[in-house]
C-alpha cells in the first residue's frame, strides 16, 4: 500500500495484520481521489472506520485542512498511529478511538465536514445503514453545506438510494468493490437555516 498523490505521493503505508481490516486498494483510492480532487484543498475530511488511515492520509497529502480518523479496533489504531508517525504527520488530524456510532451521536459542535468516507468491514452490513442513517438524520449537523459522503462496499451489495437527508448521486464500480456517493438535499439545509 502507498500514498497515491500529493506531497506524500509514493510513500508506503502499513496495513493491520490479519483479515479483520480490509484496506482500500491503491487503484480504488486513486479513482476516489480523482473524483474528489476539486474538493480536497482546504477540506475538512472525516474518515470513518479508518483502519490503517490510508484514505485519510491520502486526503491530507492532497490538501485537506484537517482529517478526523474514527476507528475502534486496537490493531488498526496501532497501525494508523504508526503510519502517521512514519510519514512525520504531526498536525491537522485527530484520532477518535471508538465506535463510529458513538462518534456520530456525540457530535462535535462546529465540526463541519466537507467530505465523509465510510468503509466498514464488508461483512458488517448493519454498519452501513447505521452510519448513513445517522449522517442523514441525527448527525446531520456535522456536515457542511454541499458535503459529499462516500461509502465503499461490495459491488454486489446494494446500498439504499436515500437515507434521511442523503441521496445517492453516483455509483462507481471497480472490480469487486463499489463507491456510492451521497449528497445532502439543499432543502434540508434550508430547513436547518430556518430553525436557527
C-alpha atoms as a PDB file:
ATOM      1  CA  UNK A   1       0.000   0.000   0.000  1.00  0.00           C
ATOM      2  CA  UNK A   2       1.177   3.507  -0.758  1.00  0.00           C
ATOM      3  CA  UNK A   3       0.028   7.109  -0.834  1.00  0.00           C
ATOM      4  CA  UNK A   4      -1.050   7.753  -4.438  1.00  0.00           C
ATOM      5  CA  UNK A   5      -0.700  11.522  -4.879  1.00  0.00           C
ATOM      6  CA  UNK A   6       0.032  14.869  -3.259  1.00  0.00           C
ATOM      7  CA  UNK A   7       3.019  15.836  -1.159  1.00  0.00           C
ATOM      8  CA  UNK A   8       3.313  12.325   0.328  1.00  0.00           C
ATOM      9  CA  UNK A   9       2.911  10.568  -3.037  1.00  0.00           C
ATOM     10  CA  UNK A  10       4.626   7.155  -3.368  1.00  0.00           C
ATOM     11  CA  UNK A  11       5.330   6.833   0.375  1.00  0.00           C
ATOM     12  CA  UNK A  12       4.478   3.364   1.686  1.00  0.00           C
ATOM     13  CA  UNK A  13       1.827   2.540   4.264  1.00  0.00           C
ATOM     14  CA  UNK A  14       1.433  -0.431   6.580  1.00  0.00           C
ATOM     15  CA  UNK A  15      -1.772  -2.438   6.903  1.00  0.00           C
ATOM     16  CA  UNK A  16      -3.016  -4.183  10.057  1.00  0.00           C
ATOM     17  CA  UNK A  17      -2.243  -7.914  10.146  1.00  0.00           C
ATOM     18  CA  UNK A  18      -4.967 -10.466   9.504  1.00  0.00           C
ATOM     19  CA  UNK A  19      -8.219 -10.210   7.623  1.00  0.00           C
ATOM     20  CA  UNK A  20     -10.262  -8.127  10.085  1.00  0.00           C
ATOM     21  CA  UNK A  21      -9.274  -4.891   8.331  1.00  0.00           C
ATOM     22  CA  UNK A  22      -9.519  -4.636   4.541  1.00  0.00           C
ATOM     23  CA  UNK A  23      -7.617  -1.575   3.293  1.00  0.00           C
ATOM     24  CA  UNK A  24      -8.979   0.304   0.294  1.00  0.00           C
ATOM     25  CA  UNK A  25      -6.878  -0.771  -2.691  1.00  0.00           C
ATOM     26  CA  UNK A  26      -4.449   1.703  -4.276  1.00  0.00           C
ATOM     27  CA  UNK A  27      -6.421   1.576  -7.523  1.00  0.00           C
ATOM     28  CA  UNK A  28      -9.772   2.298  -5.867  1.00  0.00           C
ATOM     29  CA  UNK A  29      -8.215   5.093  -3.762  1.00  0.00           C
ATOM     30  CA  UNK A  30      -6.830   6.652  -6.951  1.00  0.00           C
ATOM     31  CA  UNK A  31     -10.293   6.529  -8.550  1.00  0.00           C
ATOM     32  CA  UNK A  32     -11.856   8.040  -5.428  1.00  0.00           C
ATOM     33  CA  UNK A  33      -9.403  10.935  -5.235  1.00  0.00           C
ATOM     34  CA  UNK A  34      -9.633  11.647  -8.962  1.00  0.00           C
ATOM     35  CA  UNK A  35     -13.334  12.335  -8.307  1.00  0.00           C
ATOM     36  CA  UNK A  36     -12.628  14.284  -5.091  1.00  0.00           C
ATOM     37  CA  UNK A  37      -9.716  16.358  -6.478  1.00  0.00           C
ATOM     38  CA  UNK A  38     -11.672  19.644  -6.888  1.00  0.00           C
ATOM     39  CA  UNK A  39     -12.938  19.390  -3.289  1.00  0.00           C
ATOM     40  CA  UNK A  40      -9.753  18.499  -1.423  1.00  0.00           C
ATOM     41  CA  UNK A  41      -7.875  21.781  -0.977  1.00  0.00           C
ATOM     42  CA  UNK A  42      -8.785  23.083   2.479  1.00  0.00           C
ATOM     43  CA  UNK A  43     -11.442  20.409   3.078  1.00  0.00           C
ATOM     44  CA  UNK A  44     -12.446  19.011   6.457  1.00  0.00           C
ATOM     45  CA  UNK A  45     -12.377  15.223   5.926  1.00  0.00           C
ATOM     46  CA  UNK A  46     -13.968  12.554   8.131  1.00  0.00           C
ATOM     47  CA  UNK A  47     -12.542   9.034   7.749  1.00  0.00           C
ATOM     48  CA  UNK A  48     -14.979   6.591   9.395  1.00  0.00           C
ATOM     49  CA  UNK A  49     -13.818   3.014  10.034  1.00  0.00           C
ATOM     50  CA  UNK A  50     -10.346   4.410   9.256  1.00  0.00           C
ATOM     51  CA  UNK A  51      -8.357   1.176   9.579  1.00  0.00           C
ATOM     52  CA  UNK A  52      -4.753   1.891   8.590  1.00  0.00           C
ATOM     53  CA  UNK A  53      -5.656   5.514   7.818  1.00  0.00           C
ATOM     54  CA  UNK A  54      -4.809   5.167   4.121  1.00  0.00           C
ATOM     55  CA  UNK A  55      -7.803   7.194   2.887  1.00  0.00           C
ATOM     56  CA  UNK A  56      -7.468   9.995   5.446  1.00  0.00           C
ATOM     57  CA  UNK A  57      -3.702  10.191   4.901  1.00  0.00           C
ATOM     58  CA  UNK A  58      -4.337  10.449   1.163  1.00  0.00           C
ATOM     59  CA  UNK A  59      -6.722  13.344   1.903  1.00  0.00           C
ATOM     60  CA  UNK A  60      -4.029  15.129   3.955  1.00  0.00           C
ATOM     61  CA  UNK A  61      -1.481  14.544   1.203  1.00  0.00           C
ATOM     62  CA  UNK A  62      -3.843  16.129  -1.318  1.00  0.00           C
ATOM     63  CA  UNK A  63      -4.534  19.306   0.644  1.00  0.00           C
ATOM     64  CA  UNK A  64      -7.243  18.588   3.229  1.00  0.00           C
ATOM     65  CA  UNK A  65      -7.089  21.168   6.022  1.00  0.00           C
ATOM     66  CA  UNK A  66      -7.883  18.543   8.645  1.00  0.00           C
ATOM     67  CA  UNK A  67      -8.814  14.890   8.952  1.00  0.00           C
ATOM     68  CA  UNK A  68     -10.619  13.101  11.763  1.00  0.00           C
ATOM     69  CA  UNK A  69      -9.927   9.356  11.880  1.00  0.00           C
ATOM     70  CA  UNK A  70     -12.529   7.205  13.661  1.00  0.00           C
ATOM     71  CA  UNK A  71     -11.506   3.619  14.439  1.00  0.00           C
ATOM     72  CA  UNK A  72     -12.149   1.300  17.392  1.00  0.00           C
ATOM     73  CA  UNK A  73     -10.048  -1.825  16.637  1.00  0.00           C
ATOM     74  CA  UNK A  74      -6.817  -1.741  18.662  1.00  0.00           C
ATOM     75  CA  UNK A  75      -4.610  -3.384  15.965  1.00  0.00           C
ATOM     76  CA  UNK A  76      -5.838  -0.910  13.329  1.00  0.00           C
ATOM     77  CA  UNK A  77      -5.334   2.059  15.686  1.00  0.00           C
ATOM     78  CA  UNK A  78      -1.767   0.937  16.319  1.00  0.00           C
ATOM     79  CA  UNK A  79      -1.025   0.789  12.577  1.00  0.00           C
ATOM     80  CA  UNK A  80      -2.821   4.101  11.952  1.00  0.00           C
ATOM     81  CA  UNK A  81      -0.673   5.876  14.557  1.00  0.00           C
ATOM     82  CA  UNK A  82       2.446   4.177  13.185  1.00  0.00           C
ATOM     83  CA  UNK A  83       1.645   5.320   9.613  1.00  0.00           C
ATOM     84  CA  UNK A  84       1.152   8.923  10.754  1.00  0.00           C
ATOM     85  CA  UNK A  85       4.410   8.804  12.709  1.00  0.00           C
ATOM     86  CA  UNK A  86       6.423   7.213   9.875  1.00  0.00           C
ATOM     87  CA  UNK A  87       5.175   9.907   7.484  1.00  0.00           C
ATOM     88  CA  UNK A  88       6.014  12.636  10.038  1.00  0.00           C
ATOM     89  CA  UNK A  89       2.418  13.913  10.060  1.00  0.00           C
ATOM     90  CA  UNK A  90       2.193  15.793  13.330  1.00  0.00           C
ATOM     91  CA  UNK A  91      -0.763  18.139  12.846  1.00  0.00           C
ATOM     92  CA  UNK A  92      -4.056  18.681  11.027  1.00  0.00           C
ATOM     93  CA  UNK A  93      -5.553  15.429  12.289  1.00  0.00           C
ATOM     94  CA  UNK A  94      -7.412  13.927  15.239  1.00  0.00           C
ATOM     95  CA  UNK A  95      -7.965  10.298  16.129  1.00  0.00           C
ATOM     96  CA  UNK A  96     -11.211   9.214  17.797  1.00  0.00           C
ATOM     97  CA  UNK A  97     -10.575   5.728  19.262  1.00  0.00           C
ATOM     98  CA  UNK A  98     -14.100   4.412  19.460  1.00  0.00           C
ATOM     99  CA  UNK A  99     -17.189   3.265  17.622  1.00  0.00           C
ATOM    100  CA  UNK A 100     -18.435   5.248  14.638  1.00  0.00           C
ATOM    101  CA  UNK A 101     -21.988   5.351  16.009  1.00  0.00           C
ATOM    102  CA  UNK A 102     -20.720   6.820  19.307  1.00  0.00           C
ATOM    103  CA  UNK A 103     -18.723   9.478  17.454  1.00  0.00           C
ATOM    104  CA  UNK A 104     -21.702  10.440  15.279  1.00  0.00           C
ATOM    105  CA  UNK A 105     -24.138  10.502  18.208  1.00  0.00           C
ATOM    106  CA  UNK A 106     -21.771  12.563  20.338  1.00  0.00           C
ATOM    107  CA  UNK A 107     -21.451  15.237  17.681  1.00  0.00           C
ATOM    108  CA  UNK A 108     -18.804  17.906  17.688  1.00  0.00           C
ATOM    109  CA  UNK A 109     -20.130  21.459  17.661  1.00  0.00           C
ATOM    110  CA  UNK A 110     -18.648  23.385  14.756  1.00  0.00           C
ATOM    111  CA  UNK A 111     -17.051  20.233  13.296  1.00  0.00           C
ATOM    112  CA  UNK A 112     -18.379  20.966   9.817  1.00  0.00           C
ATOM    113  CA  UNK A 113     -17.118  18.216   7.495  1.00  0.00           C
ATOM    114  CA  UNK A 114     -16.933  18.682   3.718  1.00  0.00           C
ATOM    115  CA  UNK A 115     -16.166  15.057   2.807  1.00  0.00           C
ATOM    116  CA  UNK A 116     -17.071  11.904   4.732  1.00  0.00           C
ATOM    117  CA  UNK A 117     -15.690   8.497   3.761  1.00  0.00           C
ATOM    118  CA  UNK A 118     -17.018   5.331   5.342  1.00  0.00           C
ATOM    119  CA  UNK A 119     -15.696   1.856   4.817  1.00  0.00           C
ATOM    120  CA  UNK A 120     -16.968  -0.593   7.434  1.00  0.00           C
ATOM    121  CA  UNK A 121     -15.952  -4.234   7.232  1.00  0.00           C
ATOM    122  CA  UNK A 122     -17.840  -5.666   4.259  1.00  0.00           C
ATOM    123  CA  UNK A 123     -19.472  -8.303   6.483  1.00  0.00           C
ATOM    124  CA  UNK A 124     -20.816  -5.654   8.889  1.00  0.00           C
ATOM    125  CA  UNK A 125     -23.771  -4.740   6.671  1.00  0.00           C
ATOM    126  CA  UNK A 126     -25.689  -3.173   9.556  1.00  0.00           C
ATOM    127  CA  UNK A 127     -22.898  -0.612   9.986  1.00  0.00           C
ATOM    128  CA  UNK A 128     -23.657   0.925   6.581  1.00  0.00           C
ATOM    129  CA  UNK A 129     -27.309   1.506   7.403  1.00  0.00           C
ATOM    130  CA  UNK A 130     -26.488   2.780  10.906  1.00  0.00           C
ATOM    131  CA  UNK A 131     -23.814   5.270   9.787  1.00  0.00           C
ATOM    132  CA  UNK A 132     -25.732   6.535   6.765  1.00  0.00           C
ATOM    133  CA  UNK A 133     -28.896   6.769   8.853  1.00  0.00           C
ATOM    134  CA  UNK A 134     -27.158   8.884  11.499  1.00  0.00           C
ATOM    135  CA  UNK A 135     -25.460  11.123   8.930  1.00  0.00           C
ATOM    136  CA  UNK A 136     -28.748  11.634   7.101  1.00  0.00           C
ATOM    137  CA  UNK A 137     -30.593  12.282  10.363  1.00  0.00           C
ATOM    138  CA  UNK A 138     -29.398  12.892  13.927  1.00  0.00           C
ATOM    139  CA  UNK A 139     -25.761  13.640  12.987  1.00  0.00           C
ATOM    140  CA  UNK A 140     -26.684  15.875  10.053  1.00  0.00           C
ATOM    141  CA  UNK A 141     -25.277  18.937  11.896  1.00  0.00           C
ATOM    142  CA  UNK A 142     -21.754  17.508  11.426  1.00  0.00           C
ATOM    143  CA  UNK A 143     -21.966  18.235   7.691  1.00  0.00           C
ATOM    144  CA  UNK A 144     -21.198  21.457   5.859  1.00  0.00           C
ATOM    145  CA  UNK A 145     -23.442  22.722   3.079  1.00  0.00           C
ATOM    146  CA  UNK A 146     -22.508  20.834  -0.091  1.00  0.00           C
ATOM    147  CA  UNK A 147     -20.877  17.963   1.829  1.00  0.00           C
ATOM    148  CA  UNK A 148     -20.243  14.708  -0.017  1.00  0.00           C
ATOM    149  CA  UNK A 149     -20.400  11.251   1.586  1.00  0.00           C
ATOM    150  CA  UNK A 150     -18.803   8.204   0.020  1.00  0.00           C
ATOM    151  CA  UNK A 151     -19.376   4.602   1.125  1.00  0.00           C
ATOM    152  CA  UNK A 152     -17.082   1.822  -0.073  1.00  0.00           C
ATOM    153  CA  UNK A 153     -18.878  -1.522  -0.270  1.00  0.00           C
ATOM    154  CA  UNK A 154     -19.033  -4.829  -2.115  1.00  0.00           C
ATOM    155  CA  UNK A 155     -20.116  -4.386  -5.704  1.00  0.00           C
ATOM    156  CA  UNK A 156     -22.896  -6.932  -5.288  1.00  0.00           C
ATOM    157  CA  UNK A 157     -24.214  -5.222  -2.128  1.00  0.00           C
ATOM    158  CA  UNK A 158     -26.720  -2.533  -2.996  1.00  0.00           C
ATOM    159  CA  UNK A 159     -26.956   0.326  -0.529  1.00  0.00           C
ATOM    160  CA  UNK A 160     -30.112   2.401  -0.142  1.00  0.00           C
ATOM    161  CA  UNK A 161     -30.693   5.128  -2.729  1.00  0.00           C
ATOM    162  CA  UNK A 162     -31.509   7.541   0.094  1.00  0.00           C
ATOM    163  CA  UNK A 163     -31.118   7.796   3.870  1.00  0.00           C
ATOM    164  CA  UNK A 164     -32.887  10.720   5.527  1.00  0.00           C
ATOM    165  CA  UNK A 165     -31.376  13.886   4.051  1.00  0.00           C
ATOM    166  CA  UNK A 166     -28.905  11.884   1.925  1.00  0.00           C
ATOM    167  CA  UNK A 167     -29.490  10.867  -1.684  1.00  0.00           C
ATOM    168  CA  UNK A 168     -27.148   8.741  -3.770  1.00  0.00           C
ATOM    169  CA  UNK A 169     -25.904  10.737  -6.738  1.00  0.00           C
ATOM    170  CA  UNK A 170     -23.306   8.403  -8.222  1.00  0.00           C
ATOM    171  CA  UNK A 171     -22.169   4.777  -8.158  1.00  0.00           C
ATOM    172  CA  UNK A 172     -18.676   3.776  -9.301  1.00  0.00           C
ATOM    173  CA  UNK A 173     -17.823   0.090  -9.606  1.00  0.00           C
ATOM    174  CA  UNK A 174     -14.311  -1.302  -9.832  1.00  0.00           C
ATOM    175  CA  UNK A 175     -13.531  -4.997  -9.587  1.00  0.00           C
ATOM    176  CA  UNK A 176     -15.405  -6.459  -6.612  1.00  0.00           C
ATOM    177  CA  UNK A 177     -15.736  -3.051  -4.909  1.00  0.00           C
ATOM    178  CA  UNK A 178     -18.047  -0.090  -5.396  1.00  0.00           C
ATOM    179  CA  UNK A 179     -18.206   3.523  -4.230  1.00  0.00           C
ATOM    180  CA  UNK A 180     -21.624   5.052  -3.517  1.00  0.00           C
ATOM    181  CA  UNK A 181     -21.612   8.872  -3.463  1.00  0.00           C
ATOM    182  CA  UNK A 182     -24.275  10.688  -1.441  1.00  0.00           C
ATOM    183  CA  UNK A 183     -25.149  14.378  -1.348  1.00  0.00           C
ATOM    184  CA  UNK A 184     -27.386  16.278   1.023  1.00  0.00           C
ATOM    185  CA  UNK A 185     -30.615  17.751  -0.234  1.00  0.00           C
ATOM    186  CA  UNK A 186     -30.378  21.565  -0.366  1.00  0.00           C
ATOM    187  CA  UNK A 187     -33.887  21.662   1.118  1.00  0.00           C
ATOM    188  CA  UNK A 188     -32.532  20.092   4.330  1.00  0.00           C
ATOM    189  CA  UNK A 189     -30.016  22.934   4.744  1.00  0.00           C
ATOM    190  CA  UNK A 190     -32.755  25.495   4.110  1.00  0.00           C
ATOM    191  CA  UNK A 191     -34.856  23.865   6.837  1.00  0.00           C
ATOM    192  CA  UNK A 192     -31.918  23.944   9.235  1.00  0.00           C
ATOM    193  CA  UNK A 193     -31.159  27.621   8.407  1.00  0.00           C
ATOM    194  CA  UNK A 194     -34.799  28.470   9.059  1.00  0.00           C
ATOM    195  CA  UNK A 195     -34.621  26.923  12.542  1.00  0.00           C
ATOM    196  CA  UNK A 196     -31.578  28.954  13.631  1.00  0.00           C
END
